[in-house]
């Protein structure tokens, strides 16, 4: 008999939801995580009297109590919904290009349309027509992803879904400023509107407008801890500070894992929340299927990020923050900004998150926690000589502050605590190639139309997380649970050893 029915590699979002789903259904599950805490990107850390959120800017999909198709249902299934307190954000974001535009979009369809019409008069009809298209494309995309046969799908999805988001914007609007505001969420996917499929950015906009942006009281680490506690209450076993060294196979199928302690753990099924390159590199005793090798060769590692965490001895109001999420760009040239992400040239765009506009409980009274993030590819930092690293990262951080001070002058004077993370930091903590936190580049070739879901082509090996689908918190939380459900529905390989 196997030591476990299933082993889950990695306690990131997808790994946690997979492990909880399996264990609560009665599958004896081992969860292995090389870090000292669960969560991956969903963690926090302390500096002085502040706690810093690592990665969560806005949580999509939570919705109102009782709202159909919301993430609340999944969290209830996992036994954690009543352990979490959600904080709703009033606005989607504030989009700023100094001297060009400064628009805050409320987090509802009518409010967003009103704000856009006020900022750019004469576009109301175009805005409503665009929002209708966005809703319809999202509806049919979700339908086909949930199994609706293609012959029952409105052809609208296939006509519009894979078009570049920029092309659809150009078709609807003449004002480049309005288009820039509507495309601001592209940083959440890592590619500019000229390269992002309309269906992907439409899905993101829909998720936040329909289900609102939220945060979690106590930060994303609270969610990770709640999921781990649910797993343990159900009888699961976790090994923190432990890495999986290899995934042995026998007769062409997975037979378990070997830990970095040297311990061999047998299991009929292994679910990996690690990156695809890492997962396949751990396979032992079988050749990588040729079609998998070809597939990996067609994919491009996605973007990472540079983050400046700050504990500020001032309130959001004193600093000038009116929205929790702020996209600040030097101009409206998104393609130029994207090209700069492979270099360390001066910062062109930041996402500034003020976690105390709607407080999540991290900062002391009268103070605030703000993080500044800009997207960066890892190669620009991996090529840096070690002796130049510290100087380069702090010099680059100054560039983020320079851009922030175009909308919040004097913020430097309020800094009490600071911490800086580069793509190399992400790589070290996540174990992902290039520090990529969205997995592969999220272009059209990564969509459900061209890639499978969790099919590894190696019997007993199942894949979950951002490297086999869309990145971000909601998609990865759903991914792990979905992979586990499919494994349970088919019985995995556990029936053979029961």
Protein backbone atom coordinates (compact mmCIF):
# COMPACT_ATOMS: atom_id res chain seq x y z
CA UNK A 1 0.00 0.00 0.00
CA UNK A 2 1.21 3.53 -0.78
CA UNK A 3 2.31 5.90 1.99
CA UNK A 4 -0.25 8.42 0.66
CA UNK A 5 -2.97 8.56 -1.95
CA UNK A 6 -1.58 11.86 -3.24
CA UNK A 7 1.38 14.17 -2.75
CA UNK A 8 1.02 17.89 -3.51
CA UNK A 9 4.22 19.75 -4.39
CA UNK A 10 4.17 23.39 -3.33
CA UNK A 11 1.85 25.22 -0.94
CA UNK A 12 1.06 28.13 -3.23
CA UNK A 13 -2.57 29.01 -3.98
CA UNK A 14 -3.19 26.06 -6.30
CA UNK A 15 -1.26 23.62 -4.15
CA UNK A 16 -3.24 24.58 -1.05
CA UNK A 17 -6.67 24.32 -2.68
CA UNK A 18 -5.71 21.01 -4.32
CA UNK A 19 -4.48 19.57 -1.02
CA UNK A 20 -7.55 20.72 0.92
CA UNK A 21 -9.94 19.40 -1.74
CA UNK A 22 -8.25 16.00 -1.82
CA UNK A 23 -7.93 15.57 1.93
CA UNK A 24 -11.49 16.70 2.71
CA UNK A 25 -12.72 14.14 0.17
CA UNK A 26 -10.89 11.37 2.00
CA UNK A 27 -7.70 11.04 -0.03
CA UNK A 28 -4.68 10.65 2.25
CA UNK A 29 -2.58 13.64 1.17
CA UNK A 30 0.92 14.92 1.88
CA UNK A 31 1.65 18.59 1.19
CA UNK A 32 5.34 19.47 0.70
CA UNK A 33 6.58 23.09 0.80
CA UNK A 34 10.20 24.20 0.71
CA UNK A 35 9.48 27.53 2.43
CA UNK A 36 8.87 27.89 6.17
CA UNK A 37 5.32 29.20 5.62
CA UNK A 38 2.52 28.29 3.21
CA UNK A 39 1.30 30.59 0.48
CA UNK A 40 3.93 31.24 -2.18
CA UNK A 41 2.94 34.72 -3.39
CA UNK A 42 0.15 34.73 -0.78
CA UNK A 43 2.30 35.63 2.20
CA UNK A 44 3.32 38.62 4.29
CA UNK A 45 6.33 39.63 6.39
CA UNK A 46 7.12 42.11 9.17
CA UNK A 47 9.49 45.05 9.30
CA UNK A 48 9.43 47.07 12.51
CA UNK A 49 5.85 47.89 13.44
CA UNK A 50 4.51 47.12 9.94
CA UNK A 51 3.39 43.96 8.19
CA UNK A 52 3.93 43.96 4.44
CA UNK A 53 1.70 42.20 1.91
CA UNK A 54 3.91 40.36 -0.59
CA UNK A 55 1.80 40.22 -3.72
CA UNK A 56 -1.99 40.57 -3.41
CA UNK A 57 -3.19 43.89 -4.81
CA UNK A 58 -6.87 43.17 -5.32
CA UNK A 59 -8.72 39.87 -4.94
CA UNK A 60 -11.27 39.25 -7.68
CA UNK A 61 -14.27 36.95 -7.62
CA UNK A 62 -15.36 37.35 -3.98
CA UNK A 63 -18.61 39.13 -4.76
CA UNK A 64 -21.46 39.79 -2.36
CA UNK A 65 -22.90 37.23 0.04
CA UNK A 66 -25.02 34.82 -1.99
CA UNK A 67 -23.81 36.10 -5.37
CA UNK A 68 -23.79 33.24 -7.86
CA UNK A 69 -20.48 31.98 -9.28
CA UNK A 70 -18.42 33.85 -6.70
CA UNK A 71 -15.23 32.65 -5.04
CA UNK A 72 -17.11 32.53 -1.72
CA UNK A 73 -18.62 29.18 -2.74
CA UNK A 74 -15.22 27.60 -3.28
CA UNK A 75 -13.89 28.98 0.00
CA UNK A 76 -16.94 27.55 1.79
CA UNK A 77 -16.30 24.14 0.20
CA UNK A 78 -12.74 24.31 1.48
CA UNK A 79 -13.90 25.10 4.99
CA UNK A 80 -12.37 28.59 5.26
CA UNK A 81 -15.08 31.09 4.27
CA UNK A 82 -16.10 31.66 7.89
CA UNK A 83 -12.48 32.08 8.94
CA UNK A 84 -11.87 35.12 6.71
CA UNK A 85 -12.97 38.75 6.81
CA UNK A 86 -13.10 40.50 3.46
CA UNK A 87 -12.53 44.22 2.89
CA UNK A 88 -14.29 45.68 -0.16
CA UNK A 89 -12.57 48.40 -2.17
CA UNK A 90 -14.80 51.18 -3.45
CA UNK A 91 -12.85 51.85 -6.64
CA UNK A 92 -11.29 49.73 -9.35
CA UNK A 93 -8.30 52.03 -9.64
CA UNK A 94 -7.00 55.51 -10.20
CA UNK A 95 -5.20 55.86 -13.56
CA UNK A 96 -2.72 58.72 -13.84
CA UNK A 97 -0.46 60.06 -16.56
CA UNK A 98 0.85 63.31 -15.05
CA UNK A 99 -0.35 66.32 -17.00
CA UNK A 100 -2.44 64.15 -19.34
CA UNK A 101 -5.11 62.27 -17.36
CA UNK A 102 -6.17 61.50 -13.80
CA UNK A 103 -9.28 59.32 -13.60
CA UNK A 104 -10.66 57.14 -10.80
CA UNK A 105 -13.06 54.38 -11.84
CA UNK A 106 -15.65 53.30 -9.25
CA UNK A 107 -16.13 49.55 -8.85
CA UNK A 108 -19.48 49.24 -10.64
CA UNK A 109 -20.64 49.35 -14.22
CA UNK A 110 -22.72 52.53 -14.02
CA UNK A 111 -20.25 54.38 -11.83
CA UNK A 112 -17.36 53.51 -14.15
CA UNK A 113 -19.35 54.65 -17.19
CA UNK A 114 -20.27 57.91 -15.40
CA UNK A 115 -16.63 58.60 -14.47
CA UNK A 116 -15.42 57.96 -18.01
CA UNK A 117 -18.14 60.16 -19.50
CA UNK A 118 -17.29 62.95 -17.05
CA UNK A 119 -13.59 62.75 -17.92
CA UNK A 120 -14.14 62.27 -21.66
CA UNK A 121 -17.53 63.82 -22.59
CA UNK A 122 -19.47 62.56 -25.58
CA UNK A 123 -18.46 58.89 -25.24
CA UNK A 124 -21.33 57.50 -23.15
CA UNK A 125 -22.88 55.45 -25.96
CA UNK A 126 -19.49 54.06 -26.99
CA UNK A 127 -18.66 53.15 -23.39
CA UNK A 128 -21.93 51.28 -22.91
CA UNK A 129 -21.48 49.45 -26.21
CA UNK A 130 -17.93 48.46 -25.16
CA UNK A 131 -19.14 47.23 -21.76
CA UNK A 132 -21.86 45.16 -23.46
CA UNK A 133 -19.25 43.50 -25.67
CA UNK A 134 -17.00 42.91 -22.67
CA UNK A 135 -19.83 41.21 -20.74
CA UNK A 136 -20.92 39.05 -23.68
CA UNK A 137 -17.42 37.85 -24.58
CA UNK A 138 -16.74 37.01 -20.94
CA UNK A 139 -20.05 35.13 -20.59
CA UNK A 140 -19.31 32.92 -23.58
CA UNK A 141 -15.66 32.43 -22.66
CA UNK A 142 -16.66 31.16 -19.22
CA UNK A 143 -19.31 28.95 -20.83
CA UNK A 144 -16.86 27.23 -23.15
CA UNK A 145 -14.27 26.87 -20.37
CA UNK A 146 -16.95 25.14 -18.31
CA UNK A 147 -17.66 22.60 -21.03
CA UNK A 148 -20.31 24.12 -23.28
CA UNK A 149 -19.83 22.54 -26.76
CA UNK A 150 -18.34 24.93 -29.33
CA UNK A 151 -21.38 24.56 -31.61
CA UNK A 152 -23.52 26.10 -28.86
CA UNK A 153 -21.24 29.10 -28.35
CA UNK A 154 -22.12 32.49 -29.80
CA UNK A 155 -19.72 33.12 -32.73
CA UNK A 156 -19.10 36.51 -31.15
CA UNK A 157 -16.53 34.87 -28.88
CA UNK A 158 -14.52 33.49 -31.79
CA UNK A 159 -14.77 36.74 -33.77
CA UNK A 160 -13.67 38.98 -30.91
CA UNK A 161 -11.98 36.89 -28.22
CA UNK A 162 -8.48 36.54 -29.68
CA UNK A 163 -8.27 40.01 -31.17
CA UNK A 164 -5.75 42.28 -29.43
CA UNK A 165 -7.44 44.32 -26.72
CA UNK A 166 -5.96 47.45 -28.30
CA UNK A 167 -7.66 46.72 -31.63
CA UNK A 168 -11.05 46.47 -29.93
CA UNK A 169 -10.41 49.72 -28.05
CA UNK A 170 -9.40 51.43 -31.30
CA UNK A 171 -12.61 50.23 -32.91
CA UNK A 172 -14.76 51.73 -30.14
CA UNK A 173 -12.96 54.95 -29.17
CA UNK A 174 -11.06 57.86 -30.71
CA UNK A 175 -9.65 59.34 -27.51
CA UNK A 176 -6.31 57.75 -26.59
CA UNK A 177 -6.70 58.92 -22.99
CA UNK A 178 -9.94 56.98 -22.55
CA UNK A 179 -8.32 53.90 -24.08
CA UNK A 180 -5.39 54.23 -21.71
CA UNK A 181 -7.71 54.29 -18.68
CA UNK A 182 -9.64 51.22 -19.84
CA UNK A 183 -6.46 49.27 -20.50
CA UNK A 184 -4.82 50.01 -17.14
CA UNK A 185 -5.27 46.48 -15.79
CA UNK A 186 -2.85 45.07 -18.37
CA UNK A 187 -0.18 45.02 -15.67
CA UNK A 188 -2.18 42.28 -13.92
CA UNK A 189 -1.54 40.03 -16.93
CA UNK A 190 1.94 41.14 -17.94
CA UNK A 191 1.46 42.04 -21.61
CA UNK A 192 0.40 45.35 -23.19
CA UNK A 193 -3.04 45.75 -24.83
CA UNK A 194 -1.45 45.38 -28.28
CA UNK A 195 -0.54 41.77 -27.39
CA UNK A 196 -3.25 40.74 -24.94
CA UNK A 197 -6.26 38.83 -26.26
CA UNK A 198 -9.43 40.83 -25.74
CA UNK A 199 -11.04 37.90 -23.92
CA UNK A 200 -8.34 37.92 -21.21
CA UNK A 201 -8.38 41.59 -20.25
CA UNK A 202 -12.16 41.58 -20.68
CA UNK A 203 -12.35 38.76 -18.13
CA UNK A 204 -10.25 40.75 -15.65
CA UNK A 205 -12.35 43.90 -16.05
CA UNK A 206 -15.55 41.89 -15.75
CA UNK A 207 -14.35 40.13 -12.61
CA UNK A 208 -13.66 43.40 -10.81
CA UNK A 209 -16.70 45.31 -12.09
CA UNK A 210 -19.17 42.49 -11.47
CA UNK A 211 -17.69 40.95 -8.30
CA UNK A 212 -15.80 44.03 -7.03
CA UNK A 213 -12.18 44.25 -5.85
CA UNK A 214 -11.57 42.95 -2.33
CA UNK A 215 -8.80 42.34 0.14
CA UNK A 216 -8.50 40.11 3.18
CA UNK A 217 -8.26 41.41 6.70
CA UNK A 218 -4.78 40.39 7.77
CA UNK A 219 -3.58 40.00 4.17
CA UNK A 220 -3.17 37.02 1.88
CA UNK A 221 -1.16 35.12 4.51
CA UNK A 222 -4.42 34.84 6.48
CA UNK A 223 -5.99 32.97 3.57
CA UNK A 224 -2.97 30.68 3.18
CA UNK A 225 -2.94 29.91 6.88
CA UNK A 226 -6.69 29.21 6.90
CA UNK A 227 -6.34 26.79 3.99
CA UNK A 228 -3.46 24.97 5.68
CA UNK A 229 -5.43 24.76 8.94
CA UNK A 230 -8.42 23.29 7.05
CA UNK A 231 -6.10 20.72 5.47
CA UNK A 232 -4.64 19.76 8.84
CA UNK A 233 -8.06 19.56 10.51
CA UNK A 234 -9.10 17.10 7.82
CA UNK A 235 -6.12 14.87 8.71
CA UNK A 236 -3.62 16.00 6.08
CA UNK A 237 0.12 15.97 6.66
CA UNK A 238 2.41 18.87 5.75
CA UNK A 239 6.19 19.10 5.50
CA UNK A 240 7.43 22.71 5.58
CA UNK A 241 11.10 23.60 5.02
CA UNK A 242 11.22 20.53 2.79
CA UNK A 243 11.78 20.32 -0.95
CA UNK A 244 10.87 17.63 -3.45
CA UNK A 245 14.07 16.48 -5.10
CA UNK A 246 12.65 14.02 -7.62
CA UNK A 247 9.43 12.48 -8.91
CA UNK A 248 10.31 8.80 -9.46
CA UNK A 249 8.34 6.70 -11.92
CA UNK A 250 7.82 2.98 -12.26
CA UNK A 251 6.60 1.42 -15.49
CA UNK A 252 6.07 4.86 -16.99
CA UNK A 253 3.84 6.16 -14.19
CA UNK A 254 4.51 8.29 -11.14
CA UNK A 255 5.28 6.30 -8.02
CA UNK A 256 5.66 9.15 -5.50
CA UNK A 257 8.35 11.68 -4.61
CA UNK A 258 11.82 11.79 -3.11
CA UNK A 259 12.40 14.56 -0.59
CA UNK A 260 15.60 16.51 -0.08
CA UNK A 261 15.93 14.67 3.24
CA UNK A 262 16.47 11.49 1.22
CA UNK A 263 13.08 10.08 2.24
CA UNK A 264 11.13 8.19 -0.43
CA UNK A 265 7.35 8.77 -0.26
CA UNK A 266 5.09 6.53 -2.33
CA UNK A 267 1.83 7.78 -3.82
CA UNK A 268 -0.25 6.94 -6.86
CA UNK A 269 -0.87 10.60 -7.72
CA UNK A 270 1.30 13.69 -7.54
CA UNK A 271 -0.10 17.20 -8.01
CA UNK A 272 2.55 19.80 -8.80
CA UNK A 273 2.11 23.49 -8.09
CA UNK A 274 5.72 24.07 -9.15
CA UNK A 275 6.59 25.56 -12.55
CA UNK A 276 6.40 23.23 -15.54
CA UNK A 277 10.17 23.34 -16.23
CA UNK A 278 10.88 22.50 -12.58
CA UNK A 279 8.26 19.76 -12.45
CA UNK A 280 9.39 17.97 -15.58
CA UNK A 281 13.06 18.31 -14.61
CA UNK A 282 12.28 16.31 -11.45
CA UNK A 283 10.92 13.32 -13.37
CA UNK A 284 13.11 10.28 -12.82
CA UNK A 285 13.01 6.91 -14.55
CA UNK A 286 11.06 7.89 -17.65
CA UNK A 287 11.74 9.96 -20.72
CA UNK A 288 9.90 13.22 -21.16
CA UNK A 289 7.12 12.59 -23.72
CA UNK A 290 8.13 14.11 -27.05
CA UNK A 291 4.92 16.11 -27.40
CA UNK A 292 5.51 17.64 -23.95
CA UNK A 293 9.06 18.57 -24.93
CA UNK A 294 7.76 20.20 -28.12
CA UNK A 295 5.08 22.04 -26.17
CA UNK A 296 7.56 23.43 -23.64
CA UNK A 297 9.77 24.60 -26.47
CA UNK A 298 7.00 26.82 -27.83
CA UNK A 299 6.39 28.70 -24.58
CA UNK A 300 8.01 31.86 -23.24
CA UNK A 301 8.65 32.54 -19.56
CA UNK A 302 6.54 35.42 -18.34
CA UNK A 303 7.32 38.58 -16.47
CA UNK A 304 8.39 39.05 -12.87
CA UNK A 305 8.36 42.24 -10.85
CA UNK A 306 10.27 44.76 -8.80
CA UNK A 307 8.51 45.74 -5.57
CA UNK A 308 9.23 48.49 -3.06
CA UNK A 309 7.43 47.94 0.26
CA UNK A 310 7.11 50.98 2.52
CA UNK A 311 5.89 51.61 6.03
CA UNK A 312 4.90 55.28 6.13
CA UNK A 313 4.40 57.42 9.21
CA UNK A 314 1.37 59.17 7.70
CA UNK A 315 -2.21 58.32 6.81
CA UNK A 316 -3.36 57.74 3.22
CA UNK A 317 -5.25 61.05 3.33
CA UNK A 318 -2.13 62.90 4.47
CA UNK A 319 -0.18 61.32 1.63
CA UNK A 320 -2.84 62.08 -0.99
CA UNK A 321 -4.09 58.53 -1.62
CA UNK A 322 -7.80 58.45 -2.43
CA UNK A 323 -7.88 55.01 -4.10
CA UNK A 324 -6.33 51.79 -2.86
CA UNK A 325 -4.99 50.88 -6.32
CA UNK A 326 -3.19 53.46 -8.44
CA UNK A 327 -1.65 52.99 -11.89
CA UNK A 328 0.84 55.77 -12.60
CA UNK A 329 2.53 55.95 -16.01
CA UNK A 330 4.96 58.45 -17.51
CA UNK A 331 2.97 58.44 -20.77
CA UNK A 332 0.42 56.37 -22.70
CA UNK A 333 2.90 54.36 -24.77
CA UNK A 334 2.24 50.88 -23.32
CA UNK A 335 4.41 49.14 -25.92
CA UNK A 336 7.36 51.35 -25.01
CA UNK A 337 6.73 50.60 -21.33
CA UNK A 338 6.61 46.87 -22.03
CA UNK A 339 9.90 47.00 -23.97
CA UNK A 340 11.56 48.73 -21.00
CA UNK A 341 10.71 45.78 -18.74
CA UNK A 342 13.62 43.83 -20.17
CA UNK A 343 16.02 46.59 -19.11
CA UNK A 344 16.83 48.56 -15.97
CA UNK A 345 16.24 51.89 -17.65
CA UNK A 346 14.22 54.50 -15.70
CA UNK A 347 10.85 53.27 -14.45
CA UNK A 348 7.92 54.08 -16.73
CA UNK A 349 4.96 52.60 -14.86
CA UNK A 350 4.03 51.61 -11.32
CA UNK A 351 1.11 50.07 -9.52
CA UNK A 352 0.91 51.81 -6.14
CA UNK A 353 -1.17 49.93 -3.58
CA UNK A 354 -2.23 51.81 -0.46
CA UNK A 355 -3.47 49.10 1.88
CA UNK A 356 -4.99 51.55 4.36
CA UNK A 357 -7.42 53.51 2.20
CA UNK A 358 -9.65 50.59 3.14
CA UNK A 359 -7.52 49.23 6.02
CA UNK A 360 -6.61 45.54 6.08
CA UNK A 361 -4.98 45.73 9.50
CA UNK A 362 -1.27 45.89 8.66
CA UNK A 363 -0.29 49.42 9.69
CA UNK A 364 -0.47 51.06 13.14
CA UNK A 365 -2.94 53.89 13.76
CA UNK A 366 -1.89 57.07 11.96
CA UNK A 367 0.45 55.19 9.62
CA UNK A 368 0.10 53.27 6.34
CA UNK A 369 1.57 50.47 4.29
CA UNK A 370 2.18 51.18 0.59
CA UNK A 371 3.78 48.95 -2.02
CA UNK A 372 5.04 50.06 -5.41
CA UNK A 373 5.37 47.47 -8.13
CA UNK A 374 6.65 47.63 -11.66
CA UNK A 375 6.87 44.66 -13.99
CA UNK A 376 10.36 43.45 -14.85
CA UNK A 377 11.76 40.40 -16.63
CA UNK A 378 14.34 38.45 -14.71
CA UNK A 379 17.06 38.47 -17.38
CA UNK A 380 17.94 42.13 -16.79
CA UNK A 381 18.78 41.28 -13.18
CA UNK A 382 20.28 37.83 -13.73
CA UNK A 383 22.93 39.40 -15.97
CA UNK A 384 23.97 41.85 -13.24
CA UNK A 385 27.35 41.15 -11.54
CA UNK A 386 26.77 40.28 -7.86
CA UNK A 387 28.93 43.16 -6.63
CA UNK A 388 26.63 45.63 -8.43
CA UNK A 389 23.32 44.12 -7.28
CA UNK A 390 22.70 46.09 -4.06
CA UNK A 391 23.57 49.44 -5.64
CA UNK A 392 21.44 48.71 -8.70
CA UNK A 393 18.33 47.65 -6.79
CA UNK A 394 18.30 50.68 -4.51
CA UNK A 395 18.97 53.02 -7.42
CA UNK A 396 16.07 51.42 -9.29
CA UNK A 397 13.85 51.79 -6.22
CA UNK A 398 14.50 55.53 -6.29
CA UNK A 399 12.94 55.57 -9.75
CA UNK A 400 9.71 54.09 -8.41
CA UNK A 401 9.64 56.77 -5.71
CA UNK A 402 10.28 59.50 -8.29
CA UNK A 403 7.24 58.40 -10.28
CA UNK A 404 5.06 58.06 -7.17
CA UNK A 405 5.94 61.59 -6.07
CA UNK A 406 4.37 62.99 -9.23
CA UNK A 407 1.03 62.18 -7.55
CA UNK A 408 2.02 62.11 -3.84
CA UNK A 409 4.70 64.79 -3.36
CA UNK A 410 6.84 64.43 -0.26
CA UNK A 411 6.17 60.73 0.33
CA UNK A 412 9.90 60.16 0.95
CA UNK A 413 9.68 62.27 4.10
CA UNK A 414 7.18 59.80 5.64
CA UNK A 415 9.21 56.61 5.09
CA UNK A 416 9.83 54.69 8.30
CA UNK A 417 10.47 51.14 7.05
CA UNK A 418 11.41 49.91 3.59
CA UNK A 419 12.09 46.60 1.86
CA UNK A 420 13.00 45.96 -1.77
CA UNK A 421 12.34 42.85 -3.86
CA UNK A 422 13.68 42.24 -7.37
CA UNK A 423 12.97 39.43 -9.86
CA UNK A 424 15.87 37.58 -8.23
CA UNK A 425 14.02 37.79 -4.91
CA UNK A 426 10.93 36.31 -6.57
CA UNK A 427 13.04 33.57 -8.12
CA UNK A 428 14.59 32.66 -4.78
CA UNK A 429 11.32 32.49 -2.84
CA UNK A 430 9.03 31.07 -5.53
CA UNK A 431 11.52 28.80 -7.26
CA UNK A 432 10.17 29.94 -10.63
CA UNK A 433 12.40 30.48 -13.69
CA UNK A 434 13.12 34.19 -14.00
CA UNK A 435 11.03 34.85 -10.90
CA UNK A 436 7.95 34.76 -13.16
CA UNK A 437 4.80 35.06 -11.09
CA UNK A 438 2.25 34.77 -13.92
CA UNK A 439 3.85 31.61 -15.33
CA UNK A 440 4.28 31.74 -19.08
CA UNK A 441 3.56 34.89 -21.07
CA UNK A 442 -0.20 35.28 -21.17
CA UNK A 443 -0.60 35.79 -24.91
CA UNK A 444 -3.17 34.20 -27.21
CA UNK A 445 -1.21 30.97 -27.57
CA UNK A 446 -1.57 30.33 -23.81
CA UNK A 447 -5.37 30.43 -23.93
CA UNK A 448 -7.71 27.48 -23.43
CA UNK A 449 -8.03 27.29 -27.22
CA UNK A 450 -4.42 26.16 -27.67
CA UNK A 451 -3.27 24.57 -24.41
CA UNK A 452 -4.62 21.76 -22.25
CA UNK A 453 -5.43 22.13 -18.58
CA UNK A 454 -3.59 19.79 -16.22
CA UNK A 455 -2.69 17.02 -18.66
CA UNK A 456 0.95 16.16 -18.05
CA UNK A 457 1.02 13.10 -20.36
CA UNK A 458 2.73 11.23 -17.51
CA UNK A 459 0.23 8.95 -15.72
CA UNK A 460 -0.27 9.99 -12.13
CA UNK A 461 1.25 13.48 -12.57
CA UNK A 462 -1.17 16.41 -12.43
CA UNK A 463 -0.35 20.09 -12.98
CA UNK A 464 -1.95 23.06 -11.23
CA UNK A 465 -1.38 26.79 -10.97
CA UNK A 466 -0.32 29.72 -13.11
CA UNK A 467 2.02 27.65 -15.33
CA UNK A 468 -0.94 25.76 -16.83
CA UNK A 469 -3.47 28.58 -17.00
CA UNK A 470 -4.08 32.22 -16.24
CA UNK A 471 -2.01 33.74 -13.45
CA UNK A 472 -3.33 35.70 -10.49
CA UNK A 473 -5.00 34.79 -7.20
CA UNK A 474 -8.53 33.81 -8.27
CA UNK A 475 -7.47 31.65 -11.24
CA UNK A 476 -4.83 29.76 -9.25
CA UNK A 477 -7.11 29.18 -6.26
CA UNK A 478 -9.69 27.74 -8.65
CA UNK A 479 -7.08 25.79 -10.61
CA UNK A 480 -5.91 23.66 -7.68
CA UNK A 481 -9.44 22.75 -6.63
CA UNK A 482 -10.42 21.91 -10.22
CA UNK A 483 -7.42 19.60 -10.70
CA UNK A 484 -8.19 17.82 -7.43
CA UNK A 485 -11.86 17.37 -8.36
CA UNK A 486 -10.94 15.82 -11.71
CA UNK A 487 -8.53 13.48 -9.96
CA UNK A 488 -11.24 12.47 -7.47
CA UNK A 489 -13.88 12.03 -10.17
CA UNK A 490 -11.70 9.61 -12.13
CA UNK A 491 -10.44 7.90 -8.97
CA UNK A 492 -6.89 8.78 -10.04
CA UNK A 493 -4.67 5.73 -9.76
CA UNK A 494 -5.68 5.15 -6.15
CA UNK A 495 -8.28 2.49 -7.01
CA UNK A 496 -5.49 0.28 -8.26
CA UNK A 497 -3.84 0.20 -4.86
CA UNK A 498 -6.86 0.34 -2.54
